[in-house]
Amino acid sequence: AENIMKTSLSRLPPEKQNELNELMAKLDDASGDSDELFHKLGNILKEA
């Protein structure tokens, strides 16, 4: 399981990688609407 996220990130263009990292950081900080952030993160990973 060590490289799952690394593999997914490598398949995304730089702007999507940045967006994904920002969403994960916001979830870690519990800032904003966590359910909406989680949904957006899932949509990006689905693309990857």
All heavy atoms as atom14 arrays in JSON, in Angstrom:
{
  "sequence": "AENIMKTSLSRLPPEKQNELNELMAKLDDASGDSDELFHKLGNILKEA",
  "atom14_mask": [
    [1, 1, 1, 1, 1, 0, 0, 0, 0, 0, 0, 0, 0, 0],
    [1, 1, 1, 1, 1, 1, 1, 1, 1, 0, 0, 0, 0, 0],
    [1, 1, 1, 1, 1, 1, 1, 1, 0, 0, 0, 0, 0, 0],
    [1, 1, 1, 1, 1, 1, 1, 1, 0, 0, 0, 0, 0, 0],
    [1, 1, 1, 1, 1, 1, 1, 1, 0, 0, 0, 0, 0, 0],
    [1, 1, 1, 1, 1, 1, 1, 1, 1, 0, 0, 0, 0, 0],
    [1, 1, 1, 1, 1, 1, 1, 0, 0, 0, 0, 0, 0, 0],
    [1, 1, 1, 1, 1, 1, 0, 0, 0, 0, 0, 0, 0, 0],
    [1, 1, 1, 1, 1, 1, 1, 1, 0, 0, 0, 0, 0, 0],
    [1, 1, 1, 1, 1, 1, 0, 0, 0, 0, 0, 0, 0, 0],
    [1, 1, 1, 1, 1, 1, 1, 1, 1, 1, 1, 0, 0, 0],
    [1, 1, 1, 1, 1, 1, 1, 1, 0, 0, 0, 0, 0, 0],
    [1, 1, 1, 1, 1, 1, 1, 0, 0, 0, 0, 0, 0, 0],
    [1, 1, 1, 1, 1, 1, 1, 0, 0, 0, 0, 0, 0, 0],
    [1, 1, 1, 1, 1, 1, 1, 1, 1, 0, 0, 0, 0, 0],
    [1, 1, 1, 1, 1, 1, 1, 1, 1, 0, 0, 0, 0, 0],
    [1, 1, 1, 1, 1, 1, 1, 1, 1, 0, 0, 0, 0, 0],
    [1, 1, 1, 1, 1, 1, 1, 1, 0, 0, 0, 0, 0, 0],
    [1, 1, 1, 1, 1, 1, 1, 1, 1, 0, 0, 0, 0, 0],
    [1, 1, 1, 1, 1, 1, 1, 1, 0, 0, 0, 0, 0, 0],
    [1, 1, 1, 1, 1, 1, 1, 1, 0, 0, 0, 0, 0, 0],
    [1, 1, 1, 1, 1, 1, 1, 1, 1, 0, 0, 0, 0, 0],
    [1, 1, 1, 1, 1, 1, 1, 1, 0, 0, 0, 0, 0, 0],
    [1, 1, 1, 1, 1, 1, 1, 1, 0, 0, 0, 0, 0, 0],
    [1, 1, 1, 1, 1, 0, 0, 0, 0, 0, 0, 0, 0, 0],
    [1, 1, 1, 1, 1, 1, 1, 1, 1, 0, 0, 0, 0, 0],
    [1, 1, 1, 1, 1, 1, 1, 1, 0, 0, 0, 0, 0, 0],
    [1, 1, 1, 1, 1, 1, 1, 1, 0, 0, 0, 0, 0, 0],
    [1, 1, 1, 1, 1, 1, 1, 1, 0, 0, 0, 0, 0, 0],
    [1, 1, 1, 1, 1, 0, 0, 0, 0, 0, 0, 0, 0, 0],
    [1, 1, 1, 1, 1, 1, 0, 0, 0, 0, 0, 0, 0, 0],
    [1, 1, 1, 1, 0, 0, 0, 0, 0, 0, 0, 0, 0, 0],
    [1, 1, 1, 1, 1, 1, 1, 1, 0, 0, 0, 0, 0, 0],
    [1, 1, 1, 1, 1, 1, 0, 0, 0, 0, 0, 0, 0, 0],
    [1, 1, 1, 1, 1, 1, 1, 1, 0, 0, 0, 0, 0, 0],
    [1, 1, 1, 1, 1, 1, 1, 1, 1, 0, 0, 0, 0, 0],
    [1, 1, 1, 1, 1, 1, 1, 1, 0, 0, 0, 0, 0, 0],
    [1, 1, 1, 1, 1, 1, 1, 1, 1, 1, 1, 0, 0, 0],
    [1, 1, 1, 1, 1, 1, 1, 1, 1, 1, 0, 0, 0, 0],
    [1, 1, 1, 1, 1, 1, 1, 1, 1, 0, 0, 0, 0, 0],
    [1, 1, 1, 1, 1, 1, 1, 1, 0, 0, 0, 0, 0, 0],
    [1, 1, 1, 1, 0, 0, 0, 0, 0, 0, 0, 0, 0, 0],
    [1, 1, 1, 1, 1, 1, 1, 1, 0, 0, 0, 0, 0, 0],
    [1, 1, 1, 1, 1, 1, 1, 1, 0, 0, 0, 0, 0, 0],
    [1, 1, 1, 1, 1, 1, 1, 1, 0, 0, 0, 0, 0, 0],
    [1, 1, 1, 1, 1, 1, 1, 1, 1, 0, 0, 0, 0, 0],
    [1, 1, 1, 1, 1, 1, 1, 1, 1, 0, 0, 0, 0, 0],
    [1, 1, 1, 1, 1, 0, 0, 0, 0, 0, 0, 0, 0, 0]
  ],
  "atom14_positions": [
    [[0.8, -1.23, 0.0], [0.0, 0.0, 0.0], [0.83, 1.27, 0.0], [0.27, 2.37, -0.09], [-0.94, 0.0, 1.2], [0.0, 0.0, 0.0], [0.0, 0.0, 0.0], [0.0, 0.0, 0.0], [0.0, 0.0, 0.0], [0.0, 0.0, 0.0], [0.0, 0.0, 0.0], [0.0, 0.0, 0.0], [0.0, 0.0, 0.0], [0.0, 0.0, 0.0]],
    [[2.14, 1.15, 0.07], [2.98, 2.32, 0.3], [2.9, 3.35, -0.82], [3.01, 4.56, -0.56], [4.44, 1.88, 0.49], [4.66, 1.0, 1.71], [6.08, 0.48, 1.8], [6.87, 0.77, 0.87], [6.41, -0.2, 2.79], [0.0, 0.0, 0.0], [0.0, 0.0, 0.0], [0.0, 0.0, 0.0], [0.0, 0.0, 0.0], [0.0, 0.0, 0.0]],
    [[2.7, 2.93, -2.05], [2.78, 3.86, -3.18], [1.44, 4.15, -3.85], [1.42, 4.66, -4.97], [3.77, 3.31, -4.22], [5.19, 3.27, -3.7], [5.65, 4.2, -3.03], [5.89, 2.18, -3.99], [0.0, 0.0, 0.0], [0.0, 0.0, 0.0], [0.0, 0.0, 0.0], [0.0, 0.0, 0.0], [0.0, 0.0, 0.0], [0.0, 0.0, 0.0]],
    [[0.33, 3.82, -3.2], [-0.97, 4.03, -3.84], [-1.18, 5.5, -4.17], [-1.51, 5.86, -5.32], [-2.11, 3.51, -2.94], [-2.05, 1.99, -2.83], [-3.47, 3.94, -3.5], [-3.08, 1.42, -1.87], [0.0, 0.0, 0.0], [0.0, 0.0, 0.0], [0.0, 0.0, 0.0], [0.0, 0.0, 0.0], [0.0, 0.0, 0.0], [0.0, 0.0, 0.0]],
    [[-1.04, 6.38, -3.2], [-1.28, 7.8, -3.46], [-0.25, 8.38, -4.41], [-0.58, 9.21, -5.27], [-1.28, 8.58, -2.14], [-1.65, 10.06, -2.32], [-3.26, 10.33, -3.13], [-4.37, 9.77, -1.84], [0.0, 0.0, 0.0], [0.0, 0.0, 0.0], [0.0, 0.0, 0.0], [0.0, 0.0, 0.0], [0.0, 0.0, 0.0], [0.0, 0.0, 0.0]],
    [[0.99, 7.92, -4.31], [2.03, 8.38, -5.23], [1.67, 8.01, -6.67], [1.84, 8.81, -7.6], [3.38, 7.77, -4.84], [4.54, 8.23, -5.72], [5.84, 7.6, -5.25], [7.01, 8.02, -6.13], [8.28, 7.4, -5.67], [0.0, 0.0, 0.0], [0.0, 0.0, 0.0], [0.0, 0.0, 0.0], [0.0, 0.0, 0.0], [0.0, 0.0, 0.0]],
    [[1.16, 6.81, -6.86], [0.75, 6.37, -8.19], [-0.39, 7.23, -8.72], [-0.37, 7.69, -9.88], [0.3, 4.9, -8.16], [1.41, 4.09, -7.76], [-0.19, 4.44, -9.52], [0.0, 0.0, 0.0], [0.0, 0.0, 0.0], [0.0, 0.0, 0.0], [0.0, 0.0, 0.0], [0.0, 0.0, 0.0], [0.0, 0.0, 0.0], [0.0, 0.0, 0.0]],
    [[-1.39, 7.48, -7.88], [-2.53, 8.29, -8.31], [-2.1, 9.72, -8.66], [-2.51, 10.27, -9.68], [-3.6, 8.32, -7.21], [-4.15, 7.03, -7.01], [0.0, 0.0, 0.0], [0.0, 0.0, 0.0], [0.0, 0.0, 0.0], [0.0, 0.0, 0.0], [0.0, 0.0, 0.0], [0.0, 0.0, 0.0], [0.0, 0.0, 0.0], [0.0, 0.0, 0.0]],
    [[-1.27, 10.3, -7.82], [-0.8, 11.67, -8.07], [-0.02, 11.76, -9.38], [-0.16, 12.74, -10.13], [0.08, 12.14, -6.91], [-0.65, 12.67, -5.68], [0.33, 12.84, -4.53], [-1.34, 13.99, -5.99], [0.0, 0.0, 0.0], [0.0, 0.0, 0.0], [0.0, 0.0, 0.0], [0.0, 0.0, 0.0], [0.0, 0.0, 0.0], [0.0, 0.0, 0.0]],
    [[0.78, 10.74, -9.68], [1.61, 10.78, -10.88], [0.79, 10.8, -12.16], [1.3, 11.18, -13.22], [2.57, 9.59, -10.88], [1.86, 8.37, -11.14], [0.0, 0.0, 0.0], [0.0, 0.0, 0.0], [0.0, 0.0, 0.0], [0.0, 0.0, 0.0], [0.0, 0.0, 0.0], [0.0, 0.0, 0.0], [0.0, 0.0, 0.0], [0.0, 0.0, 0.0]],
    [[-0.45, 10.41, -12.08], [-1.31, 10.35, -13.26], [-2.07, 11.65, -13.51], [-2.78, 11.77, -14.51], [-2.32, 9.2, -13.11], [-1.66, 7.83, -13.02], [-2.69, 6.78, -12.63], [-2.12, 5.44, -12.63], [-2.77, 4.36, -12.21], [-4.0, 4.48, -11.74], [-2.19, 3.17, -12.26], [0.0, 0.0, 0.0], [0.0, 0.0, 0.0], [0.0, 0.0, 0.0]],
    [[-1.97, 12.58, -12.59], [-2.71, 13.83, -12.69], [-1.84, 14.96, -13.21], [-0.63, 15.0, -12.93], [-3.25, 14.22, -11.31], [-4.31, 13.31, -10.69], [-4.53, 13.68, -9.23], [-5.61, 13.38, -11.47], [0.0, 0.0, 0.0], [0.0, 0.0, 0.0], [0.0, 0.0, 0.0], [0.0, 0.0, 0.0], [0.0, 0.0, 0.0], [0.0, 0.0, 0.0]],
    [[-2.42, 15.92, -13.92], [-1.66, 17.11, -14.32], [-1.31, 17.93, -13.09], [-1.96, 17.8, -12.04], [-2.63, 17.85, -15.25], [-3.99, 17.37, -14.87], [-3.81, 15.96, -14.41], [0.0, 0.0, 0.0], [0.0, 0.0, 0.0], [0.0, 0.0, 0.0], [0.0, 0.0, 0.0], [0.0, 0.0, 0.0], [0.0, 0.0, 0.0], [0.0, 0.0, 0.0]],
    [[-0.29, 18.8, -13.18], [0.17, 19.55, -12.0], [-0.92, 20.31, -11.26], [-0.95, 20.33, -10.03], [1.21, 20.51, -12.59], [1.72, 19.8, -13.8], [0.55, 19.05, -14.35], [0.0, 0.0, 0.0], [0.0, 0.0, 0.0], [0.0, 0.0, 0.0], [0.0, 0.0, 0.0], [0.0, 0.0, 0.0], [0.0, 0.0, 0.0], [0.0, 0.0, 0.0]],
    [[-1.86, 20.92, -12.0], [-2.89, 21.69, -11.32], [-3.82, 20.8, -10.5], [-4.28, 21.17, -9.41], [-3.71, 22.52, -12.33], [-4.48, 21.71, -13.36], [-3.68, 21.38, -14.61], [-2.43, 21.48, -14.57], [-4.31, 21.02, -15.62], [0.0, 0.0, 0.0], [0.0, 0.0, 0.0], [0.0, 0.0, 0.0], [0.0, 0.0, 0.0], [0.0, 0.0, 0.0]],
    [[-4.08, 19.59, -11.0], [-4.9, 18.65, -10.24], [-4.14, 18.1, -9.04], [-4.72, 17.85, -7.99], [-5.36, 17.51, -11.15], [-6.43, 17.88, -12.16], [-7.79, 18.05, -11.49], [-8.88, 18.25, -12.53], [-10.21, 18.38, -11.9], [0.0, 0.0, 0.0], [0.0, 0.0, 0.0], [0.0, 0.0, 0.0], [0.0, 0.0, 0.0], [0.0, 0.0, 0.0]],
    [[-2.85, 17.88, -9.21], [-2.03, 17.44, -8.07], [-2.08, 18.48, -6.96], [-2.24, 18.13, -5.78], [-0.58, 17.22, -8.52], [-0.38, 16.06, -9.47], [1.09, 15.83, -9.8], [1.97, 16.16, -9.01], [1.34, 15.27, -10.96], [0.0, 0.0, 0.0], [0.0, 0.0, 0.0], [0.0, 0.0, 0.0], [0.0, 0.0, 0.0], [0.0, 0.0, 0.0]],
    [[-1.94, 19.75, -7.33], [-1.99, 20.83, -6.33], [-3.35, 20.88, -5.65], [-3.43, 21.04, -4.42], [-1.68, 22.17, -6.99], [-0.25, 22.27, -7.47], [0.64, 21.58, -6.94], [0.0, 23.11, -8.45], [0.0, 0.0, 0.0], [0.0, 0.0, 0.0], [0.0, 0.0, 0.0], [0.0, 0.0, 0.0], [0.0, 0.0, 0.0], [0.0, 0.0, 0.0]],
    [[-4.41, 20.73, -6.44], [-5.75, 20.76, -5.86], [-5.95, 19.61, -4.89], [-6.53, 19.78, -3.8], [-6.8, 20.72, -6.97], [-8.23, 20.83, -6.46], [-9.27, 20.79, -7.57], [-8.88, 20.7, -8.76], [-10.47, 20.84, -7.24], [0.0, 0.0, 0.0], [0.0, 0.0, 0.0], [0.0, 0.0, 0.0], [0.0, 0.0, 0.0], [0.0, 0.0, 0.0]],
    [[-5.47, 18.42, -5.27], [-5.61, 17.26, -4.4], [-4.86, 17.46, -3.09], [-5.37, 17.17, -2.0], [-5.1, 16.01, -5.12], [-5.38, 14.67, -4.44], [-6.87, 14.37, -4.4], [-4.65, 13.54, -5.16], [0.0, 0.0, 0.0], [0.0, 0.0, 0.0], [0.0, 0.0, 0.0], [0.0, 0.0, 0.0], [0.0, 0.0, 0.0], [0.0, 0.0, 0.0]],
    [[-3.63, 17.97, -3.18], [-2.84, 18.22, -1.97], [-3.5, 19.26, -1.08], [-3.48, 19.14, 0.16], [-1.43, 18.67, -2.36], [-0.58, 17.51, -2.87], [-0.7, 16.39, -2.4], [0.28, 17.79, -3.84], [0.0, 0.0, 0.0], [0.0, 0.0, 0.0], [0.0, 0.0, 0.0], [0.0, 0.0, 0.0], [0.0, 0.0, 0.0], [0.0, 0.0, 0.0]],
    [[-4.09, 20.28, -1.68], [-4.77, 21.31, -0.9], [-6.0, 20.74, -0.19], [-6.26, 21.06, 0.97], [-5.2, 22.47, -1.82], [-4.04, 23.31, -2.3], [-4.46, 24.34, -3.34], [-5.68, 24.44, -3.61], [-3.58, 25.04, -3.88], [0.0, 0.0, 0.0], [0.0, 0.0, 0.0], [0.0, 0.0, 0.0], [0.0, 0.0, 0.0], [0.0, 0.0, 0.0]],
    [[-6.74, 19.88, -0.89], [-7.92, 19.27, -0.27], [-7.53, 18.38, 0.91], [-8.17, 18.4, 1.96], [-8.68, 18.44, -1.32], [-9.45, 19.22, -2.38], [-9.93, 18.29, -3.49], [-10.64, 19.94, -1.75], [0.0, 0.0, 0.0], [0.0, 0.0, 0.0], [0.0, 0.0, 0.0], [0.0, 0.0, 0.0], [0.0, 0.0, 0.0], [0.0, 0.0, 0.0]],
    [[-6.46, 17.61, 0.74], [-6.01, 16.73, 1.83], [-5.55, 17.55, 3.03], [-5.79, 17.19, 4.18], [-4.9, 15.8, 1.34], [-5.41, 14.72, 0.39], [-4.2, 13.42, 0.01], [-3.01, 14.34, -0.96], [0.0, 0.0, 0.0], [0.0, 0.0, 0.0], [0.0, 0.0, 0.0], [0.0, 0.0, 0.0], [0.0, 0.0, 0.0], [0.0, 0.0, 0.0]],
    [[-4.87, 18.68, 2.76], [-4.42, 19.54, 3.85], [-5.6, 20.15, 4.6], [-5.6, 20.22, 5.85], [-3.52, 20.65, 3.3], [0.0, 0.0, 0.0], [0.0, 0.0, 0.0], [0.0, 0.0, 0.0], [0.0, 0.0, 0.0], [0.0, 0.0, 0.0], [0.0, 0.0, 0.0], [0.0, 0.0, 0.0], [0.0, 0.0, 0.0], [0.0, 0.0, 0.0]],
    [[-6.63, 20.56, 3.87], [-7.82, 21.13, 4.52], [-8.54, 20.07, 5.35], [-9.06, 20.37, 6.43], [-8.75, 21.71, 3.46], [-8.25, 22.99, 2.82], [-9.23, 23.51, 1.78], [-8.71, 24.79, 1.14], [-9.64, 25.29, 0.09], [0.0, 0.0, 0.0], [0.0, 0.0, 0.0], [0.0, 0.0, 0.0], [0.0, 0.0, 0.0], [0.0, 0.0, 0.0]],
    [[-8.6, 18.84, 4.84], [-9.23, 17.77, 5.61], [-8.45, 17.5, 6.89], [-9.04, 17.29, 7.96], [-9.33, 16.5, 4.77], [-10.48, 16.43, 3.78], [-10.32, 15.21, 2.87], [-11.82, 16.37, 4.5], [0.0, 0.0, 0.0], [0.0, 0.0, 0.0], [0.0, 0.0, 0.0], [0.0, 0.0, 0.0], [0.0, 0.0, 0.0], [0.0, 0.0, 0.0]],
    [[-7.12, 17.51, 6.8], [-6.3, 17.29, 7.98], [-6.51, 18.38, 9.03], [-6.45, 18.13, 10.23], [-4.81, 17.23, 7.6], [-4.45, 15.95, 6.88], [-5.21, 14.97, 7.01], [-3.41, 15.92, 6.18], [0.0, 0.0, 0.0], [0.0, 0.0, 0.0], [0.0, 0.0, 0.0], [0.0, 0.0, 0.0], [0.0, 0.0, 0.0], [0.0, 0.0, 0.0]],
    [[-6.75, 19.61, 8.55], [-6.96, 20.75, 9.46], [-8.41, 20.86, 9.92], [-8.73, 21.71, 10.75], [-6.57, 22.06, 8.77], [-5.08, 22.15, 8.51], [-4.33, 21.41, 9.18], [-4.67, 22.92, 7.65], [0.0, 0.0, 0.0], [0.0, 0.0, 0.0], [0.0, 0.0, 0.0], [0.0, 0.0, 0.0], [0.0, 0.0, 0.0], [0.0, 0.0, 0.0]],
    [[-9.27, 20.0, 9.35], [-10.7, 20.02, 9.67], [-11.31, 21.38, 9.4], [-12.22, 21.84, 10.11], [-10.93, 19.6, 11.12], [0.0, 0.0, 0.0], [0.0, 0.0, 0.0], [0.0, 0.0, 0.0], [0.0, 0.0, 0.0], [0.0, 0.0, 0.0], [0.0, 0.0, 0.0], [0.0, 0.0, 0.0], [0.0, 0.0, 0.0], [0.0, 0.0, 0.0]],
    [[-10.8, 22.09, 8.39], [-11.34, 23.39, 8.04], [-12.34, 23.24, 6.9], [-12.21, 22.37, 6.05], [-10.22, 24.34, 7.62], [-9.53, 23.84, 6.49], [0.0, 0.0, 0.0], [0.0, 0.0, 0.0], [0.0, 0.0, 0.0], [0.0, 0.0, 0.0], [0.0, 0.0, 0.0], [0.0, 0.0, 0.0], [0.0, 0.0, 0.0], [0.0, 0.0, 0.0]],
    [[-13.35, 24.09, 6.9], [-14.34, 24.04, 5.83], [-15.32, 22.89, 6.02], [-15.44, 22.28, 7.08], [0.0, 0.0, 0.0], [0.0, 0.0, 0.0], [0.0, 0.0, 0.0], [0.0, 0.0, 0.0], [0.0, 0.0, 0.0], [0.0, 0.0, 0.0], [0.0, 0.0, 0.0], [0.0, 0.0, 0.0], [0.0, 0.0, 0.0], [0.0, 0.0, 0.0]],
    [[-16.06, 22.59, 4.97], [-17.05, 21.53, 4.96], [-16.35, 20.22, 4.64], [-16.05, 19.94, 3.48], [-18.13, 21.86, 3.93], [-19.29, 20.88, 3.96], [-19.08, 19.72, 4.36], [-20.41, 21.27, 3.58], [0.0, 0.0, 0.0], [0.0, 0.0, 0.0], [0.0, 0.0, 0.0], [0.0, 0.0, 0.0], [0.0, 0.0, 0.0], [0.0, 0.0, 0.0]],
    [[-16.1, 19.39, 5.64], [-15.29, 18.18, 5.43], [-15.97, 17.21, 4.46], [-15.29, 16.57, 3.67], [-15.0, 17.5, 6.76], [-16.19, 17.13, 7.42], [0.0, 0.0, 0.0], [0.0, 0.0, 0.0], [0.0, 0.0, 0.0], [0.0, 0.0, 0.0], [0.0, 0.0, 0.0], [0.0, 0.0, 0.0], [0.0, 0.0, 0.0], [0.0, 0.0, 0.0]],
    [[-17.29, 17.09, 4.52], [-17.97, 16.18, 3.61], [-17.83, 16.64, 2.16], [-17.62, 15.82, 1.25], [-19.45, 16.06, 3.97], [-19.68, 15.2, 5.2], [-18.72, 14.55, 5.66], [-20.81, 15.19, 5.71], [0.0, 0.0, 0.0], [0.0, 0.0, 0.0], [0.0, 0.0, 0.0], [0.0, 0.0, 0.0], [0.0, 0.0, 0.0], [0.0, 0.0, 0.0]],
    [[-17.94, 17.93, 1.93], [-17.8, 18.46, 0.57], [-16.36, 18.31, 0.08], [-16.11, 17.96, -1.07], [-18.23, 19.93, 0.53], [-18.15, 20.56, -0.85], [-19.07, 19.93, -1.87], [-20.07, 19.28, -1.48], [-18.79, 20.05, -3.08], [0.0, 0.0, 0.0], [0.0, 0.0, 0.0], [0.0, 0.0, 0.0], [0.0, 0.0, 0.0], [0.0, 0.0, 0.0]],
    [[-15.4, 18.57, 0.95], [-14.0, 18.4, 0.6], [-13.7, 16.95, 0.26], [-12.99, 16.65, -0.71], [-13.1, 18.86, 1.76], [-13.11, 20.34, 2.11], [-12.34, 20.58, 3.4], [-12.52, 21.18, 0.97], [0.0, 0.0, 0.0], [0.0, 0.0, 0.0], [0.0, 0.0, 0.0], [0.0, 0.0, 0.0], [0.0, 0.0, 0.0], [0.0, 0.0, 0.0]],
    [[-14.24, 16.05, 1.05], [-14.06, 14.61, 0.84], [-14.65, 14.19, -0.51], [-14.06, 13.39, -1.24], [-14.73, 13.85, 1.98], [-14.53, 12.36, 1.97], [-13.27, 11.81, 1.95], [-15.63, 11.5, 2.01], [-13.08, 10.42, 1.96], [-15.46, 10.14, 2.02], [-14.2, 9.59, 1.99], [0.0, 0.0, 0.0], [0.0, 0.0, 0.0], [0.0, 0.0, 0.0]],
    [[-15.8, 14.74, -0.84], [-16.45, 14.44, -2.12], [-15.59, 14.92, -3.29], [-15.41, 14.2, -4.28], [-17.83, 15.08, -2.15], [-18.61, 14.78, -3.39], [-19.13, 13.54, -3.66], [-18.96, 15.56, -4.44], [-19.77, 13.55, -4.81], [-19.68, 14.77, -5.31], [0.0, 0.0, 0.0], [0.0, 0.0, 0.0], [0.0, 0.0, 0.0], [0.0, 0.0, 0.0]],
    [[-15.07, 16.14, -3.19], [-14.23, 16.69, -4.26], [-12.95, 15.88, -4.41], [-12.5, 15.61, -5.53], [-13.89, 18.16, -3.96], [-15.06, 19.11, -4.1], [-14.64, 20.55, -3.79], [-15.8, 21.51, -3.97], [-15.41, 22.9, -3.63], [0.0, 0.0, 0.0], [0.0, 0.0, 0.0], [0.0, 0.0, 0.0], [0.0, 0.0, 0.0], [0.0, 0.0, 0.0]],
    [[-12.36, 15.5, -3.3], [-11.14, 14.67, -3.34], [-11.42, 13.35, -4.04], [-10.63, 12.89, -4.88], [-10.64, 14.46, -1.91], [-9.29, 13.76, -1.73], [-8.61, 14.28, -0.46], [-9.45, 12.25, -1.63], [0.0, 0.0, 0.0], [0.0, 0.0, 0.0], [0.0, 0.0, 0.0], [0.0, 0.0, 0.0], [0.0, 0.0, 0.0], [0.0, 0.0, 0.0]],
    [[-12.55, 12.75, -3.72], [-12.91, 11.48, -4.35], [-13.07, 11.61, -5.85], [-12.68, 10.7, -6.61], [0.0, 0.0, 0.0], [0.0, 0.0, 0.0], [0.0, 0.0, 0.0], [0.0, 0.0, 0.0], [0.0, 0.0, 0.0], [0.0, 0.0, 0.0], [0.0, 0.0, 0.0], [0.0, 0.0, 0.0], [0.0, 0.0, 0.0], [0.0, 0.0, 0.0]],
    [[-13.64, 12.71, -6.32], [-13.83, 12.91, -7.75], [-12.49, 13.03, -8.48], [-12.33, 12.52, -9.6], [-14.67, 14.16, -8.01], [-16.14, 13.93, -7.76], [-16.61, 12.79, -7.75], [-16.88, 15.0, -7.54], [0.0, 0.0, 0.0], [0.0, 0.0, 0.0], [0.0, 0.0, 0.0], [0.0, 0.0, 0.0], [0.0, 0.0, 0.0], [0.0, 0.0, 0.0]],
    [[-11.51, 13.69, -7.85], [-10.2, 13.82, -8.48], [-9.5, 12.46, -8.53], [-8.9, 12.09, -9.54], [-9.33, 14.85, -7.72], [-9.94, 16.24, -7.86], [-7.9, 14.85, -8.26], [-9.23, 17.3, -7.04], [0.0, 0.0, 0.0], [0.0, 0.0, 0.0], [0.0, 0.0, 0.0], [0.0, 0.0, 0.0], [0.0, 0.0, 0.0], [0.0, 0.0, 0.0]],
    [[-9.58, 11.71, -7.45], [-8.96, 10.38, -7.43], [-9.62, 9.45, -8.43], [-8.95, 8.61, -9.04], [-9.04, 9.79, -6.02], [-8.09, 10.39, -4.99], [-8.34, 9.8, -3.62], [-6.64, 10.2, -5.41], [0.0, 0.0, 0.0], [0.0, 0.0, 0.0], [0.0, 0.0, 0.0], [0.0, 0.0, 0.0], [0.0, 0.0, 0.0], [0.0, 0.0, 0.0]],
    [[-10.92, 9.6, -8.62], [-11.61, 8.78, -9.62], [-11.03, 9.03, -11.0], [-10.85, 8.1, -11.79], [-13.11, 9.08, -9.61], [-13.92, 8.21, -10.56], [-15.4, 8.44, -10.37], [-16.21, 7.53, -11.28], [-17.67, 7.67, -11.08], [0.0, 0.0, 0.0], [0.0, 0.0, 0.0], [0.0, 0.0, 0.0], [0.0, 0.0, 0.0], [0.0, 0.0, 0.0]],
    [[-10.72, 10.27, -11.29], [-10.09, 10.61, -12.58], [-8.73, 9.94, -12.71], [-8.37, 9.4, -13.76], [-9.96, 12.12, -12.7], [-9.34, 12.6, -13.99], [-9.27, 14.11, -14.09], [-9.95, 14.79, -13.3], [-8.52, 14.61, -14.95], [0.0, 0.0, 0.0], [0.0, 0.0, 0.0], [0.0, 0.0, 0.0], [0.0, 0.0, 0.0], [0.0, 0.0, 0.0]],
    [[-7.95, 9.97, -11.63], [-6.6, 9.4, -11.65], [-6.64, 7.88, -11.72], [-5.74, 7.26, -12.31], [-5.82, 9.84, -10.42], [0.0, 0.0, 0.0], [0.0, 0.0, 0.0], [0.0, 0.0, 0.0], [0.0, 0.0, 0.0], [0.0, 0.0, 0.0], [0.0, 0.0, 0.0], [0.0, 0.0, 0.0], [0.0, 0.0, 0.0], [0.0, 0.0, 0.0]]
  ]
}
